[in-house]
PDB file of all heavy atoms in Angstrom:
ATOM      1  N   ALA A   1      -0.662 -21.488  -2.739  1.00  0.00           N
ATOM      2  CA  ALA A   1      -1.694 -22.229  -2.016  1.00  0.00           C
ATOM      3  C   ALA A   1      -2.283 -21.309  -0.969  1.00  0.00           C
ATOM      4  O   ALA A   1      -1.672 -20.324  -0.569  1.00  0.00           O
ATOM      5  CB  ALA A   1      -1.125 -23.476  -1.347  1.00  0.00           C
ATOM      6  N   GLY A   2      -3.476 -21.639  -0.524  1.00  0.00           N
ATOM      7  CA  GLY A   2      -4.103 -20.869   0.536  1.00  0.00           C
ATOM      8  C   GLY A   2      -5.239 -21.629   1.165  1.00  0.00           C
ATOM      9  O   GLY A   2      -5.804 -22.539   0.569  1.00  0.00           O
ATOM     10  N   TYR A   3      -5.534 -21.257   2.384  1.00  0.00           N
ATOM     11  CA  TYR A   3      -6.712 -21.803   3.036  1.00  0.00           C
ATOM     12  C   TYR A   3      -7.357 -20.698   3.849  1.00  0.00           C
ATOM     13  O   TYR A   3      -6.713 -20.144   4.733  1.00  0.00           O
ATOM     14  CB  TYR A   3      -6.378 -22.982   3.954  1.00  0.00           C
ATOM     15  CG  TYR A   3      -7.655 -23.636   4.416  1.00  0.00           C
ATOM     16  CD1 TYR A   3      -8.273 -24.585   3.626  1.00  0.00           C
ATOM     17  CD2 TYR A   3      -8.268 -23.255   5.597  1.00  0.00           C
ATOM     18  CE1 TYR A   3      -9.474 -25.153   4.020  1.00  0.00           C
ATOM     19  CE2 TYR A   3      -9.467 -23.819   5.992  1.00  0.00           C
ATOM     20  CZ  TYR A   3     -10.063 -24.760   5.199  1.00  0.00           C
ATOM     21  OH  TYR A   3     -11.251 -25.311   5.576  1.00  0.00           O
ATOM     22  N   PRO A   4      -8.602 -20.375   3.546  1.00  0.00           N
ATOM     23  CA  PRO A   4      -9.344 -20.852   2.374  1.00  0.00           C
ATOM     24  C   PRO A   4      -8.659 -20.403   1.082  1.00  0.00           C
ATOM     25  O   PRO A   4      -7.862 -19.472   1.110  1.00  0.00           O
ATOM     26  CB  PRO A   4     -10.719 -20.212   2.542  1.00  0.00           C
ATOM     27  CG  PRO A   4     -10.559 -19.112   3.519  1.00  0.00           C
ATOM     28  CD  PRO A   4      -9.340 -19.387   4.320  1.00  0.00           C
ATOM     29  N   PRO A   5      -8.966 -21.088  -0.031  1.00  0.00           N
ATOM     30  CA  PRO A   5      -8.275 -20.780  -1.285  1.00  0.00           C
ATOM     31  C   PRO A   5      -8.369 -19.299  -1.635  1.00  0.00           C
ATOM     32  O   PRO A   5      -9.412 -18.683  -1.514  1.00  0.00           O
ATOM     33  CB  PRO A   5      -9.020 -21.632  -2.315  1.00  0.00           C
ATOM     34  CG  PRO A   5      -9.574 -22.759  -1.522  1.00  0.00           C
ATOM     35  CD  PRO A   5      -9.928 -22.172  -0.176  1.00  0.00           C
ATOM     36  N   GLU A   6      -7.229 -18.765  -2.019  1.00  0.00           N
ATOM     37  CA  GLU A   6      -7.138 -17.358  -2.396  1.00  0.00           C
ATOM     38  C   GLU A   6      -5.982 -17.239  -3.373  1.00  0.00           C
ATOM     39  O   GLU A   6      -4.946 -17.853  -3.188  1.00  0.00           O
ATOM     40  CB  GLU A   6      -6.882 -16.514  -1.150  1.00  0.00           C
ATOM     41  CG  GLU A   6      -7.036 -15.043  -1.377  1.00  0.00           C
ATOM     42  CD  GLU A   6      -7.026 -14.270  -0.059  1.00  0.00           C
ATOM     43  OE1 GLU A   6      -7.308 -14.847   0.999  1.00  0.00           O
ATOM     44  OE2 GLU A   6      -6.725 -13.089  -0.114  1.00  0.00           O
ATOM     45  N   ASP A   7      -6.154 -16.458  -4.420  1.00  0.00           N
ATOM     46  CA  ASP A   7      -5.086 -16.393  -5.410  1.00  0.00           C
ATOM     47  C   ASP A   7      -4.680 -14.984  -5.799  1.00  0.00           C
ATOM     48  O   ASP A   7      -3.971 -14.791  -6.766  1.00  0.00           O
ATOM     49  CB  ASP A   7      -5.469 -17.180  -6.655  1.00  0.00           C
ATOM     50  CG  ASP A   7      -6.700 -16.614  -7.351  1.00  0.00           C
ATOM     51  OD1 ASP A   7      -7.287 -15.641  -6.838  1.00  0.00           O
ATOM     52  OD2 ASP A   7      -7.069 -17.140  -8.408  1.00  0.00           O
ATOM     53  N   HIS A   8      -5.110 -13.981  -5.039  1.00  0.00           N
ATOM     54  CA  HIS A   8      -4.762 -12.609  -5.399  1.00  0.00           C
ATOM     55  C   HIS A   8      -4.408 -11.807  -4.152  1.00  0.00           C
ATOM     56  O   HIS A   8      -5.058 -11.929  -3.115  1.00  0.00           O
ATOM     57  CB  HIS A   8      -5.945 -11.945  -6.113  1.00  0.00           C
ATOM     58  CG  HIS A   8      -5.679 -10.519  -6.466  1.00  0.00           C
ATOM     59  ND1 HIS A   8      -4.806 -10.160  -7.452  1.00  0.00           N
ATOM     60  CD2 HIS A   8      -6.144  -9.370  -5.929  1.00  0.00           C
ATOM     61  CE1 HIS A   8      -4.768  -8.834  -7.527  1.00  0.00           C
ATOM     62  NE2 HIS A   8      -5.561  -8.348  -6.609  1.00  0.00           N
ATOM     63  N   LEU A   9      -3.369 -10.988  -4.270  1.00  0.00           N
ATOM     64  CA  LEU A   9      -2.988 -10.061  -3.215  1.00  0.00           C
ATOM     65  C   LEU A   9      -2.999  -8.660  -3.792  1.00  0.00           C
ATOM     66  O   LEU A   9      -2.581  -8.462  -4.937  1.00  0.00           O
ATOM     67  CB  LEU A   9      -1.581 -10.377  -2.688  1.00  0.00           C
ATOM     68  CG  LEU A   9      -1.373 -11.739  -2.048  1.00  0.00           C
ATOM     69  CD1 LEU A   9       0.096 -11.923  -1.686  1.00  0.00           C
ATOM     70  CD2 LEU A   9      -2.238 -11.893  -0.820  1.00  0.00           C
ATOM     71  N   ASP A  10      -3.456  -7.682  -3.001  1.00  0.00           N
ATOM     72  CA  ASP A  10      -3.420  -6.311  -3.497  1.00  0.00           C
ATOM     73  C   ASP A  10      -2.000  -5.763  -3.410  1.00  0.00           C
ATOM     74  O   ASP A  10      -1.089  -6.413  -2.910  1.00  0.00           O
ATOM     75  CB  ASP A  10      -4.432  -5.430  -2.765  1.00  0.00           C
ATOM     76  CG  ASP A  10      -4.149  -5.279  -1.280  1.00  0.00           C
ATOM     77  OD1 ASP A  10      -2.986  -5.438  -0.865  1.00  0.00           O
ATOM     78  OD2 ASP A  10      -5.109  -4.990  -0.542  1.00  0.00           O
ATOM     79  N   LYS A  11      -1.803  -4.533  -3.923  1.00  0.00           N
ATOM     80  CA  LYS A  11      -0.454  -3.959  -4.006  1.00  0.00           C
ATOM     81  C   LYS A  11       0.202  -3.810  -2.640  1.00  0.00           C
ATOM     82  O   LYS A  11       1.399  -4.069  -2.488  1.00  0.00           O
ATOM     83  CB  LYS A  11      -0.501  -2.610  -4.722  1.00  0.00           C
ATOM     84  CG  LYS A  11      -0.746  -2.721  -6.194  1.00  0.00           C
ATOM     85  CD  LYS A  11      -0.730  -1.361  -6.859  1.00  0.00           C
ATOM     86  CE  LYS A  11      -1.008  -1.502  -8.340  1.00  0.00           C
ATOM     87  NZ  LYS A  11      -0.939  -0.215  -9.028  1.00  0.00           N
ATOM     88  N   ALA A  12      -0.553  -3.377  -1.627  1.00  0.00           N
ATOM     89  CA  ALA A  12       0.014  -3.184  -0.286  1.00  0.00           C
ATOM     90  C   ALA A  12       0.476  -4.523   0.289  1.00  0.00           C
ATOM     91  O   ALA A  12       1.554  -4.608   0.899  1.00  0.00           O
ATOM     92  CB  ALA A  12      -1.005  -2.522   0.641  1.00  0.00           C
ATOM     93  N   ASP A  13      -0.333  -5.560   0.101  1.00  0.00           N
ATOM     94  CA  ASP A  13       0.055  -6.882   0.603  1.00  0.00           C
ATOM     95  C   ASP A  13       1.263  -7.430  -0.139  1.00  0.00           C
ATOM     96  O   ASP A  13       2.165  -8.012   0.461  1.00  0.00           O
ATOM     97  CB  ASP A  13      -1.113  -7.864   0.504  1.00  0.00           C
ATOM     98  CG  ASP A  13      -2.139  -7.646   1.598  1.00  0.00           C
ATOM     99  OD1 ASP A  13      -1.800  -7.051   2.633  1.00  0.00           O
ATOM    100  OD2 ASP A  13      -3.278  -8.101   1.419  1.00  0.00           O
ATOM    101  N   LEU A  14       1.286  -7.247  -1.449  1.00  0.00           N
ATOM    102  CA  LEU A  14       2.417  -7.732  -2.231  1.00  0.00           C
ATOM    103  C   LEU A  14       3.699  -6.991  -1.848  1.00  0.00           C
ATOM    104  O   LEU A  14       4.769  -7.607  -1.746  1.00  0.00           O
ATOM    105  CB  LEU A  14       2.130  -7.588  -3.720  1.00  0.00           C
ATOM    106  CG  LEU A  14       2.995  -8.407  -4.652  1.00  0.00           C
ATOM    107  CD1 LEU A  14       3.065  -9.866  -4.246  1.00  0.00           C
ATOM    108  CD2 LEU A  14       2.507  -8.292  -6.079  1.00  0.00           C
ATOM    109  N   ALA A  15       3.596  -5.687  -1.588  1.00  0.00           N
ATOM    110  CA  ALA A  15       4.768  -4.917  -1.141  1.00  0.00           C
ATOM    111  C   ALA A  15       5.272  -5.440   0.195  1.00  0.00           C
ATOM    112  O   ALA A  15       6.485  -5.599   0.400  1.00  0.00           O
ATOM    113  CB  ALA A  15       4.424  -3.434  -1.045  1.00  0.00           C
ATOM    114  N   ALA A  16       4.351  -5.725   1.121  1.00  0.00           N
ATOM    115  CA  ALA A  16       4.742  -6.261   2.425  1.00  0.00           C
ATOM    116  C   ALA A  16       5.381  -7.642   2.279  1.00  0.00           C
ATOM    117  O   ALA A  16       6.385  -7.945   2.926  1.00  0.00           O
ATOM    118  CB  ALA A  16       3.533  -6.326   3.361  1.00  0.00           C
ATOM    119  N   ALA A  17       4.811  -8.475   1.409  1.00  0.00           N
ATOM    120  CA  ALA A  17       5.368  -9.817   1.191  1.00  0.00           C
ATOM    121  C   ALA A  17       6.782  -9.720   0.638  1.00  0.00           C
ATOM    122  O   ALA A  17       7.693 -10.417   1.097  1.00  0.00           O
ATOM    123  CB  ALA A  17       4.478 -10.613   0.235  1.00  0.00           C
ATOM    124  N   ASN A  18       6.981  -8.855  -0.336  1.00  0.00           N
ATOM    125  CA  ASN A  18       8.305  -8.699  -0.931  1.00  0.00           C
ATOM    126  C   ASN A  18       9.309  -8.130   0.064  1.00  0.00           C
ATOM    127  O   ASN A  18      10.466  -8.552   0.092  1.00  0.00           O
ATOM    128  CB  ASN A  18       8.231  -7.837  -2.195  1.00  0.00           C
ATOM    129  CG  ASN A  18       7.739  -8.630  -3.377  1.00  0.00           C
ATOM    130  OD1 ASN A  18       8.338  -9.615  -3.771  1.00  0.00           O
ATOM    131  ND2 ASN A  18       6.614  -8.224  -3.937  1.00  0.00           N
ATOM    132  N   TRP A  19       8.883  -7.178   0.887  1.00  0.00           N
ATOM    133  CA  TRP A  19       9.785  -6.628   1.892  1.00  0.00           C
ATOM    134  C   TRP A  19      10.178  -7.714   2.894  1.00  0.00           C
ATOM    135  O   TRP A  19      11.348  -7.863   3.233  1.00  0.00           O
ATOM    136  CB  TRP A  19       9.160  -5.437   2.620  1.00  0.00           C
ATOM    137  CG  TRP A  19      10.169  -4.721   3.454  1.00  0.00           C
ATOM    138  CD1 TRP A  19      10.918  -3.646   3.087  1.00  0.00           C
ATOM    139  CD2 TRP A  19      10.571  -5.052   4.794  1.00  0.00           C
ATOM    140  NE1 TRP A  19      11.765  -3.296   4.106  1.00  0.00           N
ATOM    141  CE2 TRP A  19      11.583  -4.141   5.167  1.00  0.00           C
ATOM    142  CE3 TRP A  19      10.195  -6.032   5.697  1.00  0.00           C
ATOM    143  CZ2 TRP A  19      12.193  -4.177   6.411  1.00  0.00           C
ATOM    144  CZ3 TRP A  19      10.808  -6.079   6.944  1.00  0.00           C
ATOM    145  CH2 TRP A  19      11.797  -5.153   7.295  1.00  0.00           C
ATOM    146  N   ALA A  20       9.186  -8.471   3.370  1.00  0.00           N
ATOM    147  CA  ALA A  20       9.459  -9.546   4.322  1.00  0.00           C
ATOM    148  C   ALA A  20      10.420 -10.555   3.707  1.00  0.00           C
ATOM    149  O   ALA A  20      11.359 -11.019   4.358  1.00  0.00           O
ATOM    150  CB  ALA A  20       8.164 -10.233   4.752  1.00  0.00           C
ATOM    151  N   TRP A  21      10.207 -10.863   2.445  1.00  0.00           N
ATOM    152  CA  TRP A  21      11.056 -11.813   1.724  1.00  0.00           C
ATOM    153  C   TRP A  21      12.494 -11.305   1.636  1.00  0.00           C
ATOM    154  O   TRP A  21      13.436 -12.019   1.942  1.00  0.00           O
ATOM    155  CB  TRP A  21      10.482 -12.010   0.327  1.00  0.00           C
ATOM    156  CG  TRP A  21      11.381 -12.705  -0.614  1.00  0.00           C
ATOM    157  CD1 TRP A  21      12.032 -12.168  -1.678  1.00  0.00           C
ATOM    158  CD2 TRP A  21      11.743 -14.077  -0.588  1.00  0.00           C
ATOM    159  NE1 TRP A  21      12.768 -13.126  -2.315  1.00  0.00           N
ATOM    160  CE2 TRP A  21      12.611 -14.303  -1.666  1.00  0.00           C
ATOM    161  CE3 TRP A  21      11.417 -15.136   0.245  1.00  0.00           C
ATOM    162  CZ2 TRP A  21      13.161 -15.534  -1.933  1.00  0.00           C
ATOM    163  CZ3 TRP A  21      11.962 -16.371  -0.021  1.00  0.00           C
ATOM    164  CH2 TRP A  21      12.814 -16.566  -1.104  1.00  0.00           C
ATOM    165  N   GLY A  22      12.642 -10.056   1.229  1.00  0.00           N
ATOM    166  CA  GLY A  22      13.969  -9.491   1.024  1.00  0.00           C
ATOM    167  C   GLY A  22      14.731  -9.222   2.308  1.00  0.00           C
ATOM    168  O   GLY A  22      15.967  -9.192   2.316  1.00  0.00           O
ATOM    169  N   ASN A  23      14.008  -9.014   3.413  1.00  0.00           N
ATOM    170  CA  ASN A  23      14.651  -8.643   4.669  1.00  0.00           C
ATOM    171  C   ASN A  23      14.590  -9.718   5.742  1.00  0.00           C
ATOM    172  O   ASN A  23      15.077  -9.508   6.851  1.00  0.00           O
ATOM    173  CB  ASN A  23      14.025  -7.347   5.185  1.00  0.00           C
ATOM    174  CG  ASN A  23      14.332  -6.187   4.269  1.00  0.00           C
ATOM    175  OD1 ASN A  23      15.417  -5.626   4.324  1.00  0.00           O
ATOM    176  ND2 ASN A  23      13.400  -5.857   3.384  1.00  0.00           N
ATOM    177  N   ASP A  24      13.950 -10.822   5.442  1.00  0.00           N
ATOM    178  CA  ASP A  24      13.840 -11.947   6.375  1.00  0.00           C
ATOM    179  C   ASP A  24      13.277 -11.516   7.727  1.00  0.00           C
ATOM    180  O   ASP A  24      13.725 -11.951   8.779  1.00  0.00           O
ATOM    181  CB  ASP A  24      15.188 -12.644   6.548  1.00  0.00           C
ATOM    182  CG  ASP A  24      15.044 -14.033   7.159  1.00  0.00           C
ATOM    183  OD1 ASP A  24      13.963 -14.635   7.011  1.00  0.00           O
ATOM    184  OD2 ASP A  24      16.003 -14.513   7.796  1.00  0.00           O
ATOM    185  N   ARG A  25      12.253 -10.656   7.665  1.00  0.00           N
ATOM    186  CA  ARG A  25      11.586 -10.168   8.880  1.00  0.00           C
ATOM    187  C   ARG A  25      10.101 -10.004   8.586  1.00  0.00           C
ATOM    188  O   ARG A  25       9.712  -9.776   7.444  1.00  0.00           O
ATOM    189  CB  ARG A  25      12.163  -8.806   9.288  1.00  0.00           C
ATOM    190  CG  ARG A  25      13.598  -8.922   9.768  1.00  0.00           C
ATOM    191  CD  ARG A  25      14.188  -7.629  10.298  1.00  0.00           C
ATOM    192  NE  ARG A  25      13.272  -6.874  11.127  1.00  0.00           N
ATOM    193  CZ  ARG A  25      13.172  -5.549  11.077  1.00  0.00           C
ATOM    194  NH1 ARG A  25      13.913  -4.848  10.242  1.00  0.00           N
ATOM    195  NH2 ARG A  25      12.334  -4.924  11.872  1.00  0.00           N
ATOM    196  N   PRO A  26       9.249 -10.084   9.616  1.00  0.00           N
ATOM    197  CA  PRO A  26       7.816  -9.883   9.394  1.00  0.00           C
ATOM    198  C   PRO A  26       7.524  -8.493   8.842  1.00  0.00           C
ATOM    199  O   PRO A  26       8.215  -7.523   9.168  1.00  0.00           O
ATOM    200  CB  PRO A  26       7.205 -10.029  10.792  1.00  0.00           C
ATOM    201  CG  PRO A  26       8.213 -10.801  11.576  1.00  0.00           C
ATOM    202  CD  PRO A  26       9.551 -10.422  11.011  1.00  0.00           C
ATOM    203  N   ALA A  27       6.506  -8.410   8.027  1.00  0.00           N
ATOM    204  CA  ALA A  27       6.048  -7.126   7.494  1.00  0.00           C
ATOM    205  C   ALA A  27       4.551  -7.203   7.277  1.00  0.00           C
ATOM    206  O   ALA A  27       3.987  -8.274   7.082  1.00  0.00           O
ATOM    207  CB  ALA A  27       6.765  -6.803   6.186  1.00  0.00           C
ATOM    208  N   GLY A  28       3.909  -6.039   7.321  1.00  0.00           N
ATOM    209  CA  GLY A  28       2.476  -5.966   7.087  1.00  0.00           C
ATOM    210  C   GLY A  28       1.722  -5.660   8.355  1.00  0.00           C
ATOM    211  O   GLY A  28       2.291  -5.193   9.348  1.00  0.00           O
ATOM    212  N   ARG A  29       0.451  -5.926   8.333  1.00  0.00           N
ATOM    213  CA  ARG A  29      -0.449  -5.602   9.436  1.00  0.00           C
ATOM    214  C   ARG A  29       0.060  -6.139  10.777  1.00  0.00           C
ATOM    215  O   ARG A  29       0.426  -7.297  10.890  1.00  0.00           O
ATOM    216  CB  ARG A  29      -1.823  -6.163   9.143  1.00  0.00           C
ATOM    217  CG  ARG A  29      -2.860  -5.697  10.110  1.00  0.00           C
ATOM    218  CD  ARG A  29      -4.204  -6.148   9.664  1.00  0.00           C
ATOM    219  NE  ARG A  29      -5.202  -5.626  10.570  1.00  0.00           N
ATOM    220  CZ  ARG A  29      -6.468  -5.529  10.278  1.00  0.00           C
ATOM    221  NH1 ARG A  29      -6.894  -5.916   9.107  1.00  0.00           N
ATOM    222  NH2 ARG A  29      -7.314  -5.047  11.154  1.00  0.00           N
ATOM    223  N   GLY A  30       0.083  -5.265  11.756  1.00  0.00           N
ATOM    224  CA  GLY A  30       0.504  -5.658  13.091  1.00  0.00           C
ATOM    225  C   GLY A  30       2.010  -5.601  13.299  1.00  0.00           C
ATOM    226  O   GLY A  30       2.492  -5.856  14.384  1.00  0.00           O
ATOM    227  N   SER A  31       2.768  -5.261  12.244  1.00  0.00           N
ATOM    228  CA  SER A  31       4.225  -5.161  12.370  1.00  0.00           C
ATOM    229  C   SER A  31       4.626  -3.690  12.299  1.00  0.00           C
ATOM    230  O   SER A  31       3.796  -2.816  12.058  1.00  0.00           O
ATOM    231  CB  SER A  31       4.916  -5.953  11.258  1.00  0.00           C
ATOM    232  OG  SER A  31       4.831  -5.266  10.028  1.00  0.00           O
ATOM    233  N   ASP A  32       5.908  -3.429  12.466  1.00  0.00           N
ATOM    234  CA  ASP A  32       6.422  -2.062  12.356  1.00  0.00           C
ATOM    235  C   ASP A  32       6.696  -1.657  10.920  1.00  0.00           C
ATOM    236  O   ASP A  32       6.933  -0.490  10.646  1.00  0.00           O
ATOM    237  CB  ASP A  32       7.720  -1.925  13.169  1.00  0.00           C
ATOM    238  CG  ASP A  32       7.483  -2.065  14.662  1.00  0.00           C
ATOM    239  OD1 ASP A  32       6.356  -1.787  15.115  1.00  0.00           O
ATOM    240  OD2 ASP A  32       8.432  -2.471  15.361  1.00  0.00           O
ATOM    241  N   THR A  33       6.698  -2.614  10.001  1.00  0.00           N
ATOM    242  CA  THR A  33       7.024  -2.346   8.607  1.00  0.00           C
ATOM    243  C   THR A  33       5.802  -2.555   7.731  1.00  0.00           C
ATOM    244  O   THR A  33       5.182  -3.613   7.765  1.00  0.00           O
ATOM    245  CB  THR A  33       8.155  -3.285   8.138  1.00  0.00           C
ATOM    246  OG1 THR A  33       9.260  -3.147   9.028  1.00  0.00           O
ATOM    247  CG2 THR A  33       8.592  -2.955   6.738  1.00  0.00           C
ATOM    248  N   LEU A  34       5.445  -1.537   6.974  1.00  0.00           N
ATOM    249  CA  LEU A  34       4.302  -1.568   6.057  1.00  0.00           C
ATOM    250  C   LEU A  34       3.018  -2.037   6.752  1.00  0.00           C
ATOM    251  O   LEU A  34       2.334  -2.948   6.274  1.00  0.00           O
ATOM    252  CB  LEU A  34       4.615  -2.434   4.840  1.00  0.00           C
ATOM    253  CG  LEU A  34       5.823  -1.970   4.011  1.00  0.00           C
ATOM    254  CD1 LEU A  34       6.208  -3.028   2.992  1.00  0.00           C
ATOM    255  CD2 LEU A  34       5.549  -0.643   3.336  1.00  0.00           C
TER     256      LEU A  34
END
């Protein structure tokens, strides 16, 4: 789900999402990881 609706993430975003998921910590833009 998304607002506004969005259904695709690029590779960098997907990598950050997976890292955050696996490590239970924020990742991506504005963080120290990815």
